[in-house]
Amino acid sequence: MFSLIESFRSAISSIKAHGFRSFLTTLGIIIGVSSTIAVVSVVQGLSHSINQQFEGFGANSISIRSYTPRKERMKGKVARITADDIEIIRKNIEGVQYITPTLGSNAGATSAIRYNGNKTFGQVAGSTYNYQSVQNIDIKFGRFLSYSDNQSRRKVAVIGEKVRNELSLPSNPVGSFIEFSGEWFKIIGLAEPKGSFFGFSQDNFLVMPYSTMHGLNGNITEPDIFVQLQLKNIENLETIKSKIIQLLRKQHRLKASEDDDFKIETPEQLTSGISQVIDTMTIVLGGIVSISLIVGGIGIMNIMLVSVTERTREIGICKAIGAKRHHILLQFLIEAVVLSLLGGIVGIILGYGLGFLASAAIPGFPPANVPLWAIATAFGFSACVGILFGILPASKAANLDPIDALRYE
């Protein structure tokens, strides 16, 4: 223990005696660790934000959308989820708390909305009163769509905060009329703002009754409907999912050799898929920037080799008065590890600051998040770099012959 303490004290003294050289030595480690932490913090901040967003959808929900396999697309066929499909699910699947159809506009994913000479483009959809629960929408002013709105095909709408702001509507727009697709709609509700997600606004929407949207699109073509289900018990999720697959394959008259012409997804699946992509990004980007840690390690080895050469006579004196090989080895090895750890600590602090600044500089991007495993990995890697690249100089110092060392000029 005494030799360990003395070796540590000697290493600190040597670092202090050559302060500027020590700083230059650790610079490679600082750059490597800070860049790694910055990249990981930005990517993990994005991952954390995405997971929080998907938690709002509810773990016991299922979404169904149409999907046309490549072979069928080549034949000019287009798959659809229809009202008949929804009715069959409603009648034959037990354990569903409610089922919510959502119909988009023929005008496209984003459509023009007008008010008093102002125009904006928003996501317009037709749905039922259950849409509020599925999408976790809170109402700031007014109310959400009701059952009677859908039954009567009323021209009413609930809008998001961004639509209200860009159309210069009053702070409480309930009762105002806006124009969409050549028709006038009375605003009955304004949703609480949710902010941006992945750089896209979550408040840029207009929701009207499903039957009203169906009428606007026209009854000539069969609409393609997006469906969301809320289950009574999450334990039945896989069972219900399997039953829905069987029902829809039978309804669509698909052969055993044919692929599904629909996709059934759960928030857990979506979160898992996105997490895998983000984890891969973290590993790849982290691996690329961590190459600079190896460069920093080589820098430490070079400086330590120079230090051994400079202190050859000192090593000879230490050996002459009784210092063993492991004492010399430990002294230089600890000095290399301390330099690496100092660079790692500074790099972690700088990396978090750089990650925070990078996230803040991108509009709508979630804040950086530094997980504990990233800090532990950076700290541990710094120590490993010090040990690996410090062994060679330390071994060279420990193997010096004391007589030759004392005669060295």
Protein backbone atom coordinates (compact mmCIF):
# COMPACT_ATOMS: atom_id res chain seq x y z
CA MET A 1 0.00 0.00 0.00
CA PHE A 2 2.88 2.38 0.87
CA SER A 3 4.51 1.84 -2.54
CA LEU A 4 1.14 2.47 -4.25
CA ILE A 5 0.62 5.76 -2.39
CA GLU A 6 4.18 6.88 -3.09
CA SER A 7 3.85 5.96 -6.77
CA PHE A 8 0.65 7.99 -7.00
CA ARG A 9 2.31 10.97 -5.24
CA SER A 10 5.30 10.76 -7.54
CA ALA A 11 3.03 10.62 -10.62
CA ILE A 12 1.10 13.71 -9.51
CA SER A 13 4.36 15.59 -8.83
CA SER A 14 5.67 14.72 -12.29
CA ILE A 15 2.42 15.88 -13.94
CA LYS A 16 2.53 19.19 -12.03
CA ALA A 17 6.19 19.73 -12.89
CA HIS A 18 5.39 19.49 -16.60
CA GLY A 19 1.93 21.08 -16.62
CA PHE A 20 1.78 22.26 -20.22
CA ARG A 21 3.20 19.02 -21.57
CA SER A 22 0.69 17.08 -19.48
CA PHE A 23 -2.13 19.17 -20.93
CA LEU A 24 -0.98 18.50 -24.49
CA THR A 25 -0.68 14.81 -23.63
CA THR A 26 -4.25 14.59 -22.38
CA LEU A 27 -5.64 16.73 -25.21
CA GLY A 28 -6.18 13.71 -27.44
CA ILE A 29 -8.13 11.94 -24.67
CA ILE A 30 -10.16 15.09 -23.99
CA ILE A 31 -11.13 15.44 -27.65
CA GLY A 32 -11.97 11.75 -27.97
CA VAL A 33 -14.08 11.51 -24.82
CA SER A 34 -15.86 14.85 -25.34
CA SER A 35 -16.80 14.04 -28.95
CA THR A 36 -18.03 10.57 -27.93
CA ILE A 37 -20.11 11.91 -25.05
CA ALA A 38 -21.51 14.72 -27.23
CA VAL A 39 -22.65 12.30 -29.95
CA VAL A 40 -24.10 9.79 -27.48
CA SER A 41 -25.91 12.50 -25.48
CA VAL A 42 -27.58 13.95 -28.59
CA VAL A 43 -28.67 10.55 -29.94
CA GLN A 44 -29.82 9.28 -26.53
CA GLY A 45 -31.72 12.52 -25.91
CA LEU A 46 -33.59 11.85 -29.14
CA SER A 47 -34.25 8.24 -28.08
CA HIS A 48 -35.53 9.33 -24.66
CA SER A 49 -37.86 11.87 -26.23
CA ILE A 50 -39.25 9.33 -28.72
CA ASN A 51 -39.91 6.78 -25.97
CA GLN A 52 -41.76 9.40 -23.92
CA GLN A 53 -43.92 10.29 -26.91
CA PHE A 54 -44.87 6.68 -27.58
CA GLU A 55 -45.74 6.13 -23.92
CA GLY A 56 -48.54 8.65 -24.43
CA PHE A 57 -50.19 6.38 -27.00
CA GLY A 58 -50.90 3.73 -24.39
CA ALA A 59 -49.34 0.27 -24.18
CA ASN A 60 -52.73 -1.44 -24.69
CA SER A 61 -53.46 0.04 -28.12
CA ILE A 62 -53.27 -1.52 -31.59
CA SER A 63 -53.15 0.29 -34.93
CA ILE A 64 -54.15 -1.23 -38.29
CA ARG A 65 -53.22 0.25 -41.65
CA SER A 66 -53.27 -0.97 -45.22
CA TYR A 67 -50.13 -2.35 -46.83
CA THR A 68 -49.65 -3.32 -50.44
CA PRO A 69 -46.90 -5.93 -50.97
CA ARG A 70 -44.41 -5.18 -53.74
CA LYS A 71 -45.72 -7.93 -56.03
CA GLU A 72 -49.23 -6.54 -55.80
CA ARG A 73 -48.07 -2.96 -56.41
CA MET A 74 -46.40 -4.13 -59.59
CA LYS A 75 -49.79 -5.45 -60.73
CA GLY A 76 -51.42 -2.08 -60.06
CA LYS A 77 -53.36 -3.28 -57.01
CA VAL A 78 -53.82 -1.06 -53.94
CA ALA A 79 -54.78 -2.51 -50.55
CA ARG A 80 -57.37 -0.78 -48.36
CA ILE A 81 -58.82 -1.06 -44.88
CA THR A 82 -62.56 -0.50 -45.32
CA ALA A 83 -65.62 0.15 -43.18
CA ASP A 84 -66.57 -3.53 -43.60
CA ASP A 85 -63.25 -4.56 -42.05
CA ILE A 86 -63.93 -2.32 -39.06
CA GLU A 87 -67.42 -3.73 -38.63
CA ILE A 88 -66.16 -7.32 -38.70
CA ILE A 89 -63.56 -6.52 -36.04
CA ARG A 90 -66.19 -4.76 -33.95
CA LYS A 91 -68.55 -7.75 -34.07
CA ASN A 92 -66.10 -10.65 -33.74
CA ILE A 93 -63.25 -9.49 -31.51
CA GLU A 94 -63.87 -9.50 -27.76
CA GLY A 95 -61.80 -7.46 -25.33
CA VAL A 96 -61.78 -4.25 -27.40
CA GLN A 97 -62.73 -1.21 -25.35
CA TYR A 98 -63.29 0.94 -28.39
CA ILE A 99 -62.33 1.14 -32.03
CA THR A 100 -61.54 4.41 -33.79
CA PRO A 101 -61.44 4.84 -37.58
CA THR A 102 -59.43 7.76 -38.99
CA LEU A 103 -59.89 9.00 -42.55
CA GLY A 104 -57.48 11.33 -44.31
CA SER A 105 -58.34 13.99 -46.86
CA ASN A 106 -58.15 13.40 -50.60
CA ALA A 107 -56.22 16.69 -50.75
CA GLY A 108 -53.16 14.97 -49.25
CA ALA A 109 -51.32 14.54 -45.96
CA THR A 110 -51.28 18.31 -45.38
CA SER A 111 -54.15 20.44 -46.67
CA ALA A 112 -54.89 24.15 -46.96
CA ILE A 113 -56.98 25.74 -44.19
CA ARG A 114 -58.16 29.34 -44.57
CA TYR A 115 -59.49 32.08 -42.30
CA ASN A 116 -60.00 35.76 -43.01
CA GLY A 117 -57.48 35.91 -45.86
CA ASN A 118 -54.88 33.82 -44.02
CA LYS A 119 -53.87 30.34 -45.13
CA THR A 120 -51.95 27.49 -43.50
CA PHE A 121 -51.30 23.85 -44.24
CA GLY A 122 -52.15 21.29 -41.59
CA GLN A 123 -52.82 17.59 -41.08
CA VAL A 124 -56.57 17.18 -41.64
CA ALA A 125 -58.37 14.01 -40.56
CA GLY A 126 -61.87 12.75 -39.91
CA SER A 127 -62.49 10.59 -36.84
CA THR A 128 -64.81 9.86 -33.93
CA TYR A 129 -65.00 11.01 -30.33
CA ASN A 130 -62.65 8.16 -29.28
CA TYR A 131 -59.84 9.84 -31.23
CA GLN A 132 -59.27 12.13 -28.25
CA SER A 133 -58.36 9.22 -25.96
CA VAL A 134 -56.24 7.42 -28.55
CA GLN A 135 -54.17 10.51 -29.41
CA ASN A 136 -54.07 11.77 -25.81
CA ILE A 137 -55.54 15.18 -26.71
CA ASP A 138 -56.42 17.62 -23.94
CA ILE A 139 -58.86 20.41 -24.72
CA LYS A 140 -57.90 23.97 -23.79
CA PHE A 141 -61.09 25.71 -24.95
CA GLY A 142 -64.43 24.26 -26.01
CA ARG A 143 -64.96 20.52 -26.43
CA PHE A 144 -63.96 17.57 -28.59
CA LEU A 145 -66.07 15.82 -31.22
CA SER A 146 -69.19 14.03 -29.95
CA TYR A 147 -71.17 11.00 -31.12
CA SER A 148 -73.97 13.26 -32.41
CA ASP A 149 -71.48 15.31 -34.48
CA ASN A 150 -70.61 12.17 -36.40
CA GLN A 151 -74.20 11.00 -36.73
CA SER A 152 -75.36 14.36 -38.07
CA ARG A 153 -72.33 14.98 -40.32
CA ARG A 154 -71.87 18.36 -38.70
CA LYS A 155 -69.29 20.70 -40.17
CA VAL A 156 -67.40 21.26 -36.95
CA ALA A 157 -63.68 20.99 -36.18
CA VAL A 158 -61.11 20.80 -33.40
CA ILE A 159 -57.78 22.47 -34.20
CA GLY A 160 -54.26 22.56 -32.80
CA GLU A 161 -52.43 25.59 -31.44
CA LYS A 162 -50.19 26.00 -34.50
CA VAL A 163 -53.20 26.19 -36.84
CA ARG A 164 -54.79 28.82 -34.58
CA ASN A 165 -51.59 30.86 -34.45
CA GLU A 166 -50.84 30.77 -38.19
CA LEU A 167 -54.41 31.73 -39.10
CA SER A 168 -54.30 34.63 -36.58
CA LEU A 169 -57.43 33.33 -34.85
CA PRO A 170 -58.42 34.70 -31.41
CA SER A 171 -56.77 33.14 -28.36
CA ASN A 172 -60.11 31.39 -27.78
CA PRO A 173 -61.22 30.54 -31.34
CA VAL A 174 -64.33 28.56 -30.35
CA GLY A 175 -67.25 29.78 -32.49
CA SER A 176 -65.05 31.05 -35.32
CA PHE A 177 -65.49 29.68 -38.85
CA ILE A 178 -62.63 28.40 -41.01
CA GLU A 179 -62.65 27.19 -44.61
CA PHE A 180 -61.43 23.83 -45.79
CA SER A 181 -61.97 22.20 -49.20
CA GLY A 182 -64.51 24.88 -50.16
CA GLU A 183 -66.63 24.28 -47.02
CA TRP A 184 -66.98 26.31 -43.83
CA PHE A 185 -66.39 24.64 -40.47
CA LYS A 186 -67.24 25.94 -37.02
CA ILE A 187 -64.43 25.56 -34.48
CA ILE A 188 -65.76 23.76 -31.39
CA GLY A 189 -62.45 23.09 -29.62
CA LEU A 190 -58.80 24.11 -29.30
CA ALA A 191 -56.32 21.46 -28.14
CA GLU A 192 -53.66 22.04 -25.52
CA PRO A 193 -50.28 22.53 -27.24
CA LYS A 194 -47.89 19.57 -27.26
CA GLY A 195 -44.88 21.18 -28.93
CA SER A 196 -42.58 19.59 -31.49
CA PHE A 197 -41.61 15.96 -31.89
CA PHE A 198 -38.54 15.05 -33.96
CA GLY A 199 -38.62 18.54 -35.46
CA PHE A 200 -42.29 18.31 -36.50
CA SER A 201 -45.11 20.20 -34.84
CA GLN A 202 -47.75 18.14 -33.02
CA ASP A 203 -50.16 21.09 -33.00
CA ASN A 204 -50.57 21.46 -36.74
CA PHE A 205 -53.84 19.54 -37.17
CA LEU A 206 -57.57 19.80 -37.77
CA VAL A 207 -59.98 17.00 -36.78
CA MET A 208 -63.58 16.82 -38.04
CA PRO A 209 -66.26 14.11 -37.74
CA TYR A 210 -65.50 10.93 -39.69
CA SER A 211 -68.79 11.05 -41.60
CA THR A 212 -68.15 14.68 -42.60
CA MET A 213 -64.71 13.81 -44.02
CA HIS A 214 -66.24 10.83 -45.84
CA GLY A 215 -68.77 13.17 -47.47
CA LEU A 216 -66.05 15.65 -48.49
CA ASN A 217 -63.98 12.90 -50.10
CA GLY A 218 -67.01 11.65 -52.01
CA ASN A 219 -68.67 8.25 -51.96
CA ILE A 220 -67.47 7.09 -55.40
CA THR A 221 -64.22 5.43 -54.28
CA GLU A 222 -63.78 3.15 -51.28
CA PRO A 223 -61.76 5.08 -48.67
CA ASP A 224 -58.60 3.68 -47.08
CA ILE A 225 -59.07 3.89 -43.33
CA PHE A 226 -56.49 3.93 -40.56
CA VAL A 227 -57.81 2.10 -37.49
CA GLN A 228 -56.83 2.26 -33.83
CA LEU A 229 -58.10 -0.05 -31.10
CA GLN A 230 -57.93 0.34 -27.35
CA LEU A 231 -57.97 -2.94 -25.41
CA LYS A 232 -59.62 -3.61 -22.06
CA ASN A 233 -56.74 -5.79 -20.87
CA ILE A 234 -53.15 -5.56 -22.13
CA GLU A 235 -52.63 -9.27 -21.34
CA ASN A 236 -54.90 -10.15 -24.28
CA LEU A 237 -52.93 -8.04 -26.78
CA GLU A 238 -51.15 -10.88 -28.61
CA THR A 239 -54.28 -13.07 -28.67
CA ILE A 240 -56.42 -10.25 -30.09
CA LYS A 241 -53.72 -9.38 -32.60
CA SER A 242 -53.67 -12.98 -33.90
CA LYS A 243 -57.46 -13.06 -34.19
CA ILE A 244 -57.50 -9.78 -36.13
CA ILE A 245 -54.91 -11.17 -38.57
CA GLN A 246 -57.04 -14.27 -39.17
CA LEU A 247 -60.20 -12.21 -39.62
CA LEU A 248 -58.69 -9.71 -42.06
CA ARG A 249 -56.96 -12.40 -44.14
CA LYS A 250 -60.28 -14.20 -44.46
CA GLN A 251 -62.13 -10.95 -45.22
CA HIS A 252 -59.60 -10.00 -47.90
CA ARG A 253 -59.64 -13.56 -49.31
CA LEU A 254 -55.90 -14.00 -49.09
CA LYS A 255 -54.37 -17.37 -49.92
CA ALA A 256 -51.92 -19.08 -47.58
CA SER A 257 -49.05 -18.24 -49.96
CA GLU A 258 -49.97 -14.52 -50.13
CA ASP A 259 -48.57 -11.85 -47.80
CA ASP A 260 -50.80 -9.76 -45.54
CA ASP A 261 -52.17 -6.65 -47.23
CA PHE A 262 -52.30 -4.84 -43.89
CA LYS A 263 -49.99 -4.01 -41.00
CA ILE A 264 -50.84 -4.38 -37.31
CA GLU A 265 -48.60 -2.43 -34.96
CA THR A 266 -48.37 -1.72 -31.24
CA PRO A 267 -46.57 1.18 -29.52
CA GLU A 268 -44.10 -1.36 -28.13
CA GLN A 269 -43.21 -2.54 -31.64
CA LEU A 270 -42.78 1.01 -32.91
CA THR A 271 -40.65 1.95 -29.90
CA SER A 272 -38.56 -1.20 -30.24
CA GLY A 273 -37.94 -0.60 -33.96
CA ILE A 274 -36.92 3.01 -33.46
CA SER A 275 -34.77 2.10 -30.44
CA GLN A 276 -32.87 -0.47 -32.52
CA VAL A 277 -32.15 2.13 -35.19
CA ILE A 278 -31.02 4.69 -32.62
CA ASP A 279 -28.87 2.13 -30.75
CA THR A 280 -27.17 1.23 -34.04
CA MET A 281 -26.58 4.93 -34.74
CA THR A 282 -25.11 5.34 -31.25
CA ILE A 283 -22.70 2.43 -31.73
CA VAL A 284 -21.60 3.49 -35.23
CA LEU A 285 -21.19 7.20 -34.48
CA GLY A 286 -19.66 6.51 -31.06
CA GLY A 287 -17.22 4.07 -32.67
CA ILE A 288 -16.19 6.59 -35.30
CA VAL A 289 -15.46 9.42 -32.89
CA SER A 290 -13.84 7.08 -30.33
CA ILE A 291 -11.02 6.47 -32.84
CA SER A 292 -9.60 9.75 -31.55
CA LEU A 293 -9.21 8.04 -28.15
CA ILE A 294 -6.74 5.63 -29.72
CA VAL A 295 -4.89 8.58 -31.21
CA GLY A 296 -4.85 10.17 -27.76
CA GLY A 297 -3.50 6.93 -26.28
CA ILE A 298 -0.66 6.88 -28.78
CA GLY A 299 0.12 10.47 -27.76
CA ILE A 300 0.31 9.44 -24.12
CA MET A 301 2.65 6.55 -24.98
CA ASN A 302 4.96 8.84 -26.94
CA ILE A 303 5.15 11.44 -24.17
CA MET A 304 5.72 8.75 -21.54
CA LEU A 305 8.56 7.30 -23.62
CA VAL A 306 10.13 10.77 -23.74
CA SER A 307 9.62 11.05 -19.98
CA VAL A 308 11.41 7.73 -19.43
CA THR A 309 14.33 8.96 -21.50
CA GLU A 310 14.49 12.26 -19.58
CA ARG A 311 14.38 10.52 -16.20
CA THR A 312 16.84 7.74 -16.95
CA ARG A 313 19.35 8.91 -14.30
CA GLU A 314 16.49 9.29 -11.76
CA ILE A 315 15.44 5.70 -12.46
CA GLY A 316 19.06 4.55 -12.02
CA ILE A 317 19.31 6.31 -8.63
CA CYS A 318 15.99 4.77 -7.49
CA LYS A 319 17.18 1.30 -8.44
CA ALA A 320 20.57 1.87 -6.82
CA ILE A 321 18.99 2.65 -3.45
CA GLY A 322 16.78 -0.43 -3.55
CA ALA A 323 13.73 0.27 -5.75
CA LYS A 324 12.40 -2.94 -7.27
CA ARG A 325 11.27 -3.45 -10.86
CA HIS A 326 7.57 -3.37 -9.91
CA HIS A 327 8.04 -0.03 -8.08
CA ILE A 328 9.32 1.64 -11.25
CA LEU A 329 6.69 -0.08 -13.37
CA LEU A 330 3.89 1.04 -11.03
CA GLN A 331 5.15 4.65 -10.89
CA PHE A 332 5.09 5.19 -14.67
CA LEU A 333 1.92 3.16 -15.19
CA ILE A 334 0.03 5.23 -12.59
CA GLU A 335 1.27 8.42 -14.23
CA ALA A 336 -0.14 7.29 -17.60
CA VAL A 337 -3.47 6.24 -16.05
CA VAL A 338 -3.82 9.53 -14.11
CA LEU A 339 -3.21 11.50 -17.31
CA SER A 340 -5.87 9.45 -19.11
CA LEU A 341 -8.41 9.78 -16.28
CA LEU A 342 -7.88 13.55 -16.04
CA GLY A 343 -8.48 13.79 -19.78
CA GLY A 344 -11.58 11.57 -19.40
CA ILE A 345 -13.09 13.75 -16.64
CA VAL A 346 -12.53 16.97 -18.58
CA GLY A 347 -13.82 15.29 -21.75
CA ILE A 348 -17.06 14.13 -20.05
CA ILE A 349 -17.78 17.67 -18.84
CA LEU A 350 -16.99 19.24 -22.22
CA GLY A 351 -18.91 16.51 -24.06
CA TYR A 352 -22.09 17.11 -22.09
CA GLY A 353 -21.78 20.86 -22.73
CA LEU A 354 -21.24 20.30 -26.47
CA GLY A 355 -24.20 17.91 -26.64
CA PHE A 356 -26.44 20.39 -24.85
CA LEU A 357 -25.38 23.23 -27.18
CA ALA A 358 -25.86 21.06 -30.29
CA SER A 359 -29.38 20.06 -29.22
CA ALA A 360 -30.28 23.65 -28.35
CA ALA A 361 -28.99 24.88 -31.72
CA ILE A 362 -31.40 22.62 -33.68
CA PRO A 363 -34.98 24.01 -33.59
CA GLY A 364 -37.45 21.58 -32.04
CA PHE A 365 -34.74 19.02 -31.19
CA PRO A 366 -35.07 17.30 -27.77
CA PRO A 367 -32.50 18.15 -25.06
CA ALA A 368 -29.35 16.05 -24.71
CA ASN A 369 -29.43 13.13 -22.31
CA VAL A 370 -26.23 11.54 -20.97
CA PRO A 371 -26.93 8.02 -19.66
CA LEU A 372 -24.82 6.68 -16.79
CA TRP A 373 -23.52 3.84 -18.95
CA ALA A 374 -22.00 6.39 -21.35
CA ILE A 375 -20.15 8.13 -18.51
CA ALA A 376 -18.99 4.80 -17.06
CA THR A 377 -17.86 3.59 -20.49
CA ALA A 378 -15.95 6.82 -21.25
CA PHE A 379 -14.31 6.77 -17.81
CA GLY A 380 -13.43 3.08 -18.06
CA PHE A 381 -12.12 3.45 -21.61
CA SER A 382 -9.90 6.31 -20.50
CA ALA A 383 -8.42 4.12 -17.76
CA CYS A 384 -7.89 1.26 -20.24
CA VAL A 385 -6.14 3.62 -22.67
CA GLY A 386 -3.81 4.74 -19.86
CA ILE A 387 -3.00 1.15 -18.91
CA LEU A 388 -2.58 -0.19 -22.45
CA PHE A 389 -0.47 2.68 -23.75
CA GLY A 390 1.39 3.12 -20.46
CA ILE A 391 2.63 -0.46 -20.19
CA LEU A 392 5.33 -0.11 -22.87
CA PRO A 393 7.00 3.03 -21.44
CA ALA A 394 6.63 1.68 -17.88
CA SER A 395 8.19 -1.65 -18.88
CA LYS A 396 11.05 0.15 -20.60
CA ALA A 397 11.72 2.16 -17.45
CA ALA A 398 11.47 -0.89 -15.17
CA ASN A 399 13.89 -2.91 -17.32
CA LEU A 400 16.66 -0.29 -17.35
CA ASP A 401 19.94 -1.49 -15.94
CA PRO A 402 20.79 0.73 -12.91
CA ILE A 403 24.51 1.06 -13.88
CA ASP A 404 23.72 2.06 -17.47
CA ALA A 405 21.02 4.41 -16.21
CA LEU A 406 23.40 6.17 -13.82
CA ARG A 407 25.97 6.65 -16.59
CA TYR A 408 23.33 8.08 -18.99
CA GLU A 409 23.84 11.69 -19.99
